[in-house]
């Protein structure tokens, strides 16, 4: 039985999608979703920190700086994985 190149490509594409679907490894989409969740949690932490009044009552400049840097780094990673997610398909 002969198959055409187009049929072979379709079969490979279908099998690849099945492997990705049932794989134990996280896809870029999974990781991207996780970074979205992490970023939202960081925003919650920062909001609670500001609302707590600790910022006004004590000098926490280093902590604030670290939290802001962590938020920026998470946002950057989120962008990277969102870009990889679009190229993965």
PDB file of N, CA and C in Angstrom:
ATOM      1  N   UNK A   1       0.837  -1.177   0.000  1.00  0.00           N
ATOM      2  CA  UNK A   1       0.000   0.000   0.000  1.00  0.00           C
ATOM      3  C   UNK A   1       0.882   1.240   0.000  1.00  0.00           C
ATOM      4  N   UNK A   2       0.617   2.134  -0.914  1.00  0.00           N
ATOM      5  CA  UNK A   2       1.385   3.360  -0.994  1.00  0.00           C
ATOM      6  C   UNK A   2       0.599   4.495  -0.354  1.00  0.00           C
ATOM      7  N   UNK A   3       1.366   5.426   0.250  1.00  0.00           N
ATOM      8  CA  UNK A   3       0.727   6.634   0.772  1.00  0.00           C
ATOM      9  C   UNK A   3       1.463   7.848   0.206  1.00  0.00           C
ATOM     10  N   UNK A   4       0.736   8.908   0.067  1.00  0.00           N
ATOM     11  CA  UNK A   4       1.336  10.120  -0.486  1.00  0.00           C
ATOM     12  C   UNK A   4       2.066  10.872   0.617  1.00  0.00           C
ATOM     13  N   UNK A   5       2.876  11.820   0.200  1.00  0.00           N
ATOM     14  CA  UNK A   5       3.580  12.663   1.174  1.00  0.00           C
ATOM     15  C   UNK A   5       2.587  13.418   2.059  1.00  0.00           C
ATOM     16  N   UNK A   6       1.543  13.911   1.432  1.00  0.00           N
ATOM     17  CA  UNK A   6       0.530  14.661   2.179  1.00  0.00           C
ATOM     18  C   UNK A   6      -0.096  13.770   3.258  1.00  0.00           C
ATOM     19  N   UNK A   7      -0.411  12.525   2.907  1.00  0.00           N
ATOM     20  CA  UNK A   7      -0.989  11.599   3.875  1.00  0.00           C
ATOM     21  C   UNK A   7       0.001  11.305   4.999  1.00  0.00           C
ATOM     22  N   UNK A   8       1.246  11.112   4.630  1.00  0.00           N
ATOM     23  CA  UNK A   8       2.274  10.839   5.630  1.00  0.00           C
ATOM     24  C   UNK A   8       2.420  12.020   6.583  1.00  0.00           C
ATOM     25  N   UNK A   9       2.443  13.230   6.046  1.00  0.00           N
ATOM     26  CA  UNK A   9       2.539  14.423   6.898  1.00  0.00           C
ATOM     27  C   UNK A   9       1.343  14.528   7.837  1.00  0.00           C
ATOM     28  N   UNK A  10       0.150  14.224   7.328  1.00  0.00           N
ATOM     29  CA  UNK A  10      -1.051  14.282   8.153  1.00  0.00           C
ATOM     30  C   UNK A  10      -0.973  13.254   9.279  1.00  0.00           C
ATOM     31  N   UNK A  11      -0.534  12.062   8.947  1.00  0.00           N
ATOM     32  CA  UNK A  11      -0.397  11.002   9.955  1.00  0.00           C
ATOM     33  C   UNK A  11       0.613  11.412  11.022  1.00  0.00           C
ATOM     34  N   UNK A  12       1.746  11.932  10.604  1.00  0.00           N
ATOM     35  CA  UNK A  12       2.774  12.374  11.549  1.00  0.00           C
ATOM     36  C   UNK A  12       2.238  13.488  12.440  1.00  0.00           C
ATOM     37  N   UNK A  13       1.543  14.453  11.842  1.00  0.00           N
ATOM     38  CA  UNK A  13       0.974  15.579  12.604  1.00  0.00           C
ATOM     39  C   UNK A  13      -0.039  15.073  13.641  1.00  0.00           C
ATOM     40  N   UNK A  14      -0.894  14.129  13.241  1.00  0.00           N
ATOM     41  CA  UNK A  14      -1.886  13.579  14.166  1.00  0.00           C
ATOM     42  C   UNK A  14      -1.221  12.818  15.308  1.00  0.00           C
ATOM     43  N   UNK A  15      -0.230  12.021  14.985  1.00  0.00           N
ATOM     44  CA  UNK A  15       0.464  11.248  16.021  1.00  0.00           C
ATOM     45  C   UNK A  15       1.233  12.165  16.967  1.00  0.00           C
ATOM     46  N   UNK A  16       1.827  13.197  16.405  1.00  0.00           N
ATOM     47  CA  UNK A  16       2.550  14.160  17.254  1.00  0.00           C
ATOM     48  C   UNK A  16       1.600  14.829  18.228  1.00  0.00           C
ATOM     49  N   UNK A  17       0.429  15.221  17.753  1.00  0.00           N
ATOM     50  CA  UNK A  17      -0.535  15.871  18.645  1.00  0.00           C
ATOM     51  C   UNK A  17      -1.018  14.906  19.721  1.00  0.00           C
ATOM     52  N   UNK A  18      -1.167  13.631  19.384  1.00  0.00           N
ATOM     53  CA  UNK A  18      -1.548  12.632  20.398  1.00  0.00           C
ATOM     54  C   UNK A  18      -0.441  12.464  21.440  1.00  0.00           C
ATOM     55  N   UNK A  19       0.796  12.431  20.979  1.00  0.00           N
ATOM     56  CA  UNK A  19       1.914  12.297  21.909  1.00  0.00           C
ATOM     57  C   UNK A  19       1.987  13.488  22.855  1.00  0.00           C
ATOM     58  N   UNK A  20       1.812  14.683  22.312  1.00  0.00           N
ATOM     59  CA  UNK A  20       1.850  15.889  23.132  1.00  0.00           C
ATOM     60  C   UNK A  20       0.702  15.879  24.129  1.00  0.00           C
ATOM     61  N   UNK A  21      -0.467  15.437  23.680  1.00  0.00           N
ATOM     62  CA  UNK A  21      -1.654  15.420  24.537  1.00  0.00           C
ATOM     63  C   UNK A  21      -1.475  14.464  25.718  1.00  0.00           C
ATOM     64  N   UNK A  22      -0.868  13.319  25.493  1.00  0.00           N
ATOM     65  CA  UNK A  22      -0.732  12.307  26.537  1.00  0.00           C
ATOM     66  C   UNK A  22       0.661  12.257  27.148  1.00  0.00           C
ATOM     67  N   UNK A  23       1.467  13.223  26.840  1.00  0.00           N
ATOM     68  CA  UNK A  23       2.842  13.245  27.328  1.00  0.00           C
ATOM     69  C   UNK A  23       2.894  13.580  28.817  1.00  0.00           C
ATOM     70  N   UNK A  24       3.896  13.031  29.503  1.00  0.00           N
ATOM     71  CA  UNK A  24       4.131  13.360  30.908  1.00  0.00           C
ATOM     72  C   UNK A  24       4.866  14.687  31.047  1.00  0.00           C
ATOM     73  N   UNK A  25       5.379  15.189  29.950  1.00  0.00           N
ATOM     74  CA  UNK A  25       6.129  16.427  29.981  1.00  0.00           C
ATOM     75  C   UNK A  25       5.206  17.614  29.723  1.00  0.00           C
ATOM     76  N   UNK A  26       5.504  18.685  30.411  1.00  0.00           N
ATOM     77  CA  UNK A  26       4.691  19.889  30.245  1.00  0.00           C
ATOM     78  C   UNK A  26       4.975  20.536  28.896  1.00  0.00           C
ATOM     79  N   UNK A  27       3.944  21.048  28.279  1.00  0.00           N
ATOM     80  CA  UNK A  27       4.118  21.775  27.025  1.00  0.00           C
ATOM     81  C   UNK A  27       4.393  23.239  27.352  1.00  0.00           C
ATOM     82  N   UNK A  28       4.762  23.991  26.341  1.00  0.00           N
ATOM     83  CA  UNK A  28       4.955  25.429  26.542  1.00  0.00           C
ATOM     84  C   UNK A  28       3.656  26.078  27.015  1.00  0.00           C
ATOM     85  N   UNK A  29       2.533  25.576  26.523  1.00  0.00           N
ATOM     86  CA  UNK A  29       1.239  26.127  26.940  1.00  0.00           C
ATOM     87  C   UNK A  29       1.010  25.890  28.434  1.00  0.00           C
ATOM     88  N   UNK A  30       1.360  24.690  28.913  1.00  0.00           N
ATOM     89  CA  UNK A  30       1.211  24.385  30.343  1.00  0.00           C
ATOM     90  C   UNK A  30       2.090  25.306  31.188  1.00  0.00           C
ATOM     91  N   UNK A  31       3.327  25.476  30.765  1.00  0.00           N
ATOM     92  CA  UNK A  31       4.257  26.324  31.505  1.00  0.00           C
ATOM     93  C   UNK A  31       3.803  27.779  31.451  1.00  0.00           C
ATOM     94  N   UNK A  32       3.335  28.196  30.291  1.00  0.00           N
ATOM     95  CA  UNK A  32       2.831  29.562  30.146  1.00  0.00           C
ATOM     96  C   UNK A  32       1.658  29.808  31.088  1.00  0.00           C
ATOM     97  N   UNK A  33       0.749  28.850  31.167  1.00  0.00           N
ATOM     98  CA  UNK A  33      -0.384  28.971  32.090  1.00  0.00           C
ATOM     99  C   UNK A  33       0.092  29.052  33.541  1.00  0.00           C
ATOM    100  N   UNK A  34       1.114  28.278  33.868  1.00  0.00           N
ATOM    101  CA  UNK A  34       1.653  28.315  35.236  1.00  0.00           C
ATOM    102  C   UNK A  34       2.244  29.688  35.556  1.00  0.00           C
ATOM    103  N   UNK A  35       2.949  30.279  34.592  1.00  0.00           N
ATOM    104  CA  UNK A  35       3.506  31.608  34.821  1.00  0.00           C
ATOM    105  C   UNK A  35       2.405  32.656  34.958  1.00  0.00           C
ATOM    106  N   UNK A  36       1.318  32.482  34.221  1.00  0.00           N
ATOM    107  CA  UNK A  36       0.171  33.380  34.392  1.00  0.00           C
ATOM    108  C   UNK A  36      -0.343  33.305  35.828  1.00  0.00           C
ATOM    109  N   UNK A  37      -0.457  32.070  36.344  1.00  0.00           N
ATOM    110  CA  UNK A  37      -0.923  31.877  37.717  1.00  0.00           C
ATOM    111  C   UNK A  37       0.041  32.495  38.730  1.00  0.00           C
ATOM    112  N   UNK A  38       1.339  32.277  38.519  1.00  0.00           N
ATOM    113  CA  UNK A  38       2.355  32.820  39.423  1.00  0.00           C
ATOM    114  C   UNK A  38       2.294  34.346  39.428  1.00  0.00           C
ATOM    115  N   UNK A  39       2.148  34.923  38.252  1.00  0.00           N
ATOM    116  CA  UNK A  39       2.096  36.387  38.148  1.00  0.00           C
ATOM    117  C   UNK A  39       0.885  36.939  38.904  1.00  0.00           C
ATOM    118  N   UNK A  40      -0.246  36.279  38.768  1.00  0.00           N
ATOM    119  CA  UNK A  40      -1.445  36.743  39.475  1.00  0.00           C
ATOM    120  C   UNK A  40      -1.271  36.616  40.993  1.00  0.00           C
ATOM    121  N   UNK A  41      -0.611  35.539  41.437  1.00  0.00           N
ATOM    122  CA  UNK A  41      -0.357  35.387  42.871  1.00  0.00           C
ATOM    123  C   UNK A  41       0.583  36.485  43.373  1.00  0.00           C
ATOM    124  N   UNK A  42       1.595  36.813  42.575  1.00  0.00           N
ATOM    125  CA  UNK A  42       2.508  37.885  42.962  1.00  0.00           C
ATOM    126  C   UNK A  42       1.782  39.222  43.068  1.00  0.00           C
ATOM    127  N   UNK A  43       0.878  39.476  42.142  1.00  0.00           N
ATOM    128  CA  UNK A  43       0.094  40.710  42.224  1.00  0.00           C
ATOM    129  C   UNK A  43      -0.740  40.738  43.505  1.00  0.00           C
ATOM    130  N   UNK A  44      -1.302  39.599  43.880  1.00  0.00           N
ATOM    131  CA  UNK A  44      -2.071  39.513  45.126  1.00  0.00           C
ATOM    132  C   UNK A  44      -1.183  39.791  46.339  1.00  0.00           C
ATOM    133  N   UNK A  45       0.015  39.209  46.339  1.00  0.00           N
ATOM    134  CA  UNK A  45       0.950  39.423  47.450  1.00  0.00           C
ATOM    135  C   UNK A  45       1.317  40.897  47.550  1.00  0.00           C
ATOM    136  N   UNK A  46       1.613  41.506  46.424  1.00  0.00           N
ATOM    137  CA  UNK A  46       1.975  42.927  46.442  1.00  0.00           C
ATOM    138  C   UNK A  46       0.809  43.797  46.926  1.00  0.00           C
ATOM    139  N   UNK A  47      -0.389  43.487  46.494  1.00  0.00           N
ATOM    140  CA  UNK A  47      -1.554  44.258  46.937  1.00  0.00           C
ATOM    141  C   UNK A  47      -1.763  44.109  48.446  1.00  0.00           C
ATOM    142  N   UNK A  48      -1.631  42.895  48.960  1.00  0.00           N
ATOM    143  CA  UNK A  48      -1.782  42.664  50.399  1.00  0.00           C
ATOM    144  C   UNK A  48      -0.689  43.390  51.177  1.00  0.00           C
ATOM    145  N   UNK A  49       0.517  43.389  50.624  1.00  0.00           N
ATOM    146  CA  UNK A  49       1.633  44.064  51.283  1.00  0.00           C
ATOM    147  C   UNK A  49       1.361  45.561  51.395  1.00  0.00           C
ATOM    148  N   UNK A  50       0.891  46.152  50.322  1.00  0.00           N
ATOM    149  CA  UNK A  50       0.610  47.588  50.323  1.00  0.00           C
ATOM    150  C   UNK A  50      -0.556  47.890  51.259  1.00  0.00           C
ATOM    151  N   UNK A  51      -1.613  47.066  51.204  1.00  0.00           N
ATOM    152  CA  UNK A  51      -2.788  47.284  52.047  1.00  0.00           C
ATOM    153  C   UNK A  51      -2.503  47.069  53.528  1.00  0.00           C
ATOM    154  N   UNK A  52      -1.497  46.281  53.834  1.00  0.00           N
ATOM    155  CA  UNK A  52      -1.193  45.959  55.235  1.00  0.00           C
ATOM    156  C   UNK A  52      -0.667  47.158  56.016  1.00  0.00           C
ATOM    157  N   UNK A  53      -0.135  48.130  55.312  1.00  0.00           N
ATOM    158  CA  UNK A  53       0.441  49.290  55.988  1.00  0.00           C
ATOM    159  C   UNK A  53       1.895  49.106  56.379  1.00  0.00           C
ATOM    160  N   UNK A  54       2.438  47.921  56.135  1.00  0.00           N
ATOM    161  CA  UNK A  54       3.841  47.679  56.489  1.00  0.00           C
ATOM    162  C   UNK A  54       4.766  48.612  55.730  1.00  0.00           C
ATOM    163  N   UNK A  55       4.381  48.946  54.550  1.00  0.00           N
ATOM    164  CA  UNK A  55       5.210  49.810  53.717  1.00  0.00           C
ATOM    165  C   UNK A  55       5.395  51.178  54.371  1.00  0.00           C
ATOM    166  N   UNK A  56       4.366  51.673  55.034  1.00  0.00           N
ATOM    167  CA  UNK A  56       4.429  52.987  55.667  1.00  0.00           C
ATOM    168  C   UNK A  56       5.069  52.929  57.056  1.00  0.00           C
ATOM    169  N   UNK A  57       4.853  51.835  57.762  1.00  0.00           N
ATOM    170  CA  UNK A  57       5.316  51.777  59.152  1.00  0.00           C
ATOM    171  C   UNK A  57       6.780  51.377  59.302  1.00  0.00           C
ATOM    172  N   UNK A  58       7.334  50.721  58.332  1.00  0.00           N
ATOM    173  CA  UNK A  58       8.729  50.257  58.429  1.00  0.00           C
ATOM    174  C   UNK A  58       9.457  50.531  57.117  1.00  0.00           C
ATOM    175  N   UNK A  59      10.761  50.482  57.211  1.00  0.00           N
ATOM    176  CA  UNK A  59      11.577  50.657  56.015  1.00  0.00           C
ATOM    177  C   UNK A  59      11.831  49.288  55.390  1.00  0.00           C
ATOM    178  N   UNK A  60      11.066  48.976  54.377  1.00  0.00           N
ATOM    179  CA  UNK A  60      11.201  47.694  53.688  1.00  0.00           C
ATOM    180  C   UNK A  60      11.623  47.906  52.236  1.00  0.00           C
ATOM    181  N   UNK A  61      12.464  48.864  52.007  1.00  0.00           N
ATOM    182  CA  UNK A  61      12.853  49.201  50.637  1.00  0.00           C
ATOM    183  C   UNK A  61      13.449  48.001  49.902  1.00  0.00           C
ATOM    184  N   UNK A  62      14.286  47.237  50.592  1.00  0.00           N
ATOM    185  CA  UNK A  62      14.922  46.081  49.942  1.00  0.00           C
ATOM    186  C   UNK A  62      13.871  45.038  49.581  1.00  0.00           C
ATOM    187  N   UNK A  63      12.916  44.796  50.471  1.00  0.00           N
ATOM    188  CA  UNK A  63      11.865  43.817  50.207  1.00  0.00           C
ATOM    189  C   UNK A  63      10.991  44.266  49.031  1.00  0.00           C
ATOM    190  N   UNK A  64      10.621  45.528  49.035  1.00  0.00           N
ATOM    191  CA  UNK A  64       9.812  46.066  47.936  1.00  0.00           C
ATOM    192  C   UNK A  64      10.563  45.936  46.620  1.00  0.00           C
ATOM    193  N   UNK A  65      11.828  46.264  46.630  1.00  0.00           N
ATOM    194  CA  UNK A  65      12.646  46.163  45.420  1.00  0.00           C
ATOM    195  C   UNK A  65      12.709  44.724  44.926  1.00  0.00           C
ATOM    196  N   UNK A  66      12.897  43.771  45.846  1.00  0.00           N
ATOM    197  CA  UNK A  66      12.960  42.358  45.466  1.00  0.00           C
ATOM    198  C   UNK A  66      11.622  41.866  44.904  1.00  0.00           C
ATOM    199  N   UNK A  67      10.525  42.280  45.530  1.00  0.00           N
ATOM    200  CA  UNK A  67       9.206  41.876  45.043  1.00  0.00           C
ATOM    201  C   UNK A  67       8.926  42.456  43.658  1.00  0.00           C
ATOM    202  N   UNK A  68       9.309  43.697  43.457  1.00  0.00           N
ATOM    203  CA  UNK A  68       9.117  44.312  42.142  1.00  0.00           C
ATOM    204  C   UNK A  68       9.962  43.610  41.083  1.00  0.00           C
ATOM    205  N   UNK A  69      11.213  43.288  41.427  1.00  0.00           N
ATOM    206  CA  UNK A  69      12.095  42.586  40.487  1.00  0.00           C
ATOM    207  C   UNK A  69      11.530  41.200  40.164  1.00  0.00           C
ATOM    208  N   UNK A  70      11.036  40.510  41.179  1.00  0.00           N
ATOM    209  CA  UNK A  70      10.443  39.196  40.972  1.00  0.00           C
ATOM    210  C   UNK A  70       9.238  39.286  40.036  1.00  0.00           C
ATOM    211  N   UNK A  71       8.431  40.309  40.216  1.00  0.00           N
ATOM    212  CA  UNK A  71       7.264  40.510  39.353  1.00  0.00           C
ATOM    213  C   UNK A  71       7.683  40.781  37.912  1.00  0.00           C
ATOM    214  N   UNK A  72       8.682  41.624  37.729  1.00  0.00           N
ATOM    215  CA  UNK A  72       9.175  41.934  36.381  1.00  0.00           C
ATOM    216  C   UNK A  72       9.773  40.688  35.737  1.00  0.00           C
ATOM    217  N   UNK A  73      10.578  39.936  36.484  1.00  0.00           N
ATOM    218  CA  UNK A  73      11.185  38.714  35.940  1.00  0.00           C
ATOM    219  C   UNK A  73      10.118  37.689  35.559  1.00  0.00           C
ATOM    220  N   UNK A  74       9.105  37.554  36.395  1.00  0.00           N
ATOM    221  CA  UNK A  74       8.014  36.624  36.097  1.00  0.00           C
ATOM    222  C   UNK A  74       7.274  37.064  34.842  1.00  0.00           C
ATOM    223  N   UNK A  75       7.039  38.346  34.713  1.00  0.00           N
ATOM    224  CA  UNK A  75       6.375  38.879  33.528  1.00  0.00           C
ATOM    225  C   UNK A  75       7.205  38.607  32.273  1.00  0.00           C
ATOM    226  N   UNK A  76       8.514  38.783  32.377  1.00  0.00           N
ATOM    227  CA  UNK A  76       9.400  38.513  31.236  1.00  0.00           C
ATOM    228  C   UNK A  76       9.357  37.035  30.840  1.00  0.00           C
ATOM    229  N   UNK A  77       9.405  36.146  31.842  1.00  0.00           N
ATOM    230  CA  UNK A  77       9.327  34.708  31.559  1.00  0.00           C
ATOM    231  C   UNK A  77       7.981  34.339  30.949  1.00  0.00           C
ATOM    232  N   UNK A  78       6.928  34.975  31.451  1.00  0.00           N
ATOM    233  CA  UNK A  78       5.604  34.734  30.924  1.00  0.00           C
ATOM    234  C   UNK A  78       5.549  35.103  29.440  1.00  0.00           C
ATOM    235  N   UNK A  79       6.165  36.202  29.079  1.00  0.00           N
ATOM    236  CA  UNK A  79       6.209  36.632  27.685  1.00  0.00           C
ATOM    237  C   UNK A  79       6.972  35.625  26.828  1.00  0.00           C
ATOM    238  N   UNK A  80       8.100  35.150  27.326  1.00  0.00           N
ATOM    239  CA  UNK A  80       8.900  34.168  26.589  1.00  0.00           C
ATOM    240  C   UNK A  80       8.083  32.909  26.321  1.00  0.00           C
ATOM    241  N   UNK A  81       7.429  32.383  27.366  1.00  0.00           N
ATOM    242  CA  UNK A  81       6.670  31.149  27.184  1.00  0.00           C
ATOM    243  C   UNK A  81       5.405  31.361  26.369  1.00  0.00           C
ATOM    244  N   UNK A  82       4.814  32.537  26.432  1.00  0.00           N
ATOM    245  CA  UNK A  82       3.675  32.829  25.561  1.00  0.00           C
ATOM    246  C   UNK A  82       4.102  32.843  24.102  1.00  0.00           C
ATOM    247  N   UNK A  83       5.302  33.371  23.835  1.00  0.00           N
ATOM    248  CA  UNK A  83       5.828  33.362  22.470  1.00  0.00           C
ATOM    249  C   UNK A  83       6.139  31.943  22.003  1.00  0.00           C
ATOM    250  N   UNK A  84       6.726  31.139  22.888  1.00  0.00           N
ATOM    251  CA  UNK A  84       7.015  29.746  22.543  1.00  0.00           C
ATOM    252  C   UNK A  84       5.724  28.963  22.332  1.00  0.00           C
ATOM    253  N   UNK A  85       4.722  29.307  23.111  1.00  0.00           N
ATOM    254  CA  UNK A  85       3.425  28.627  23.016  1.00  0.00           C
ATOM    255  C   UNK A  85       2.828  28.826  21.617  1.00  0.00           C
ATOM    256  N   UNK A  86       2.966  30.024  21.069  1.00  0.00           N
ATOM    257  CA  UNK A  86       2.393  30.294  19.748  1.00  0.00           C
ATOM    258  C   UNK A  86       3.179  29.596  18.644  1.00  0.00           C
ATOM    259  N   UNK A  87       4.477  29.369  18.862  1.00  0.00           N
ATOM    260  CA  UNK A  87       5.286  28.690  17.838  1.00  0.00           C
ATOM    261  C   UNK A  87       5.208  27.182  17.972  1.00  0.00           C
ATOM    262  N   UNK A  88       4.713  26.678  19.113  1.00  0.00           N
ATOM    263  CA  UNK A  88       4.651  25.246  19.363  1.00  0.00           C
ATOM    264  C   UNK A  88       3.642  24.546  18.450  1.00  0.00           C
ATOM    265  N   UNK A  89       2.611  25.227  18.071  1.00  0.00           N
ATOM    266  CA  UNK A  89       1.520  24.602  17.307  1.00  0.00           C
ATOM    267  C   UNK A  89       1.864  24.393  15.886  1.00  0.00           C
TER     268      UNK A  89
END
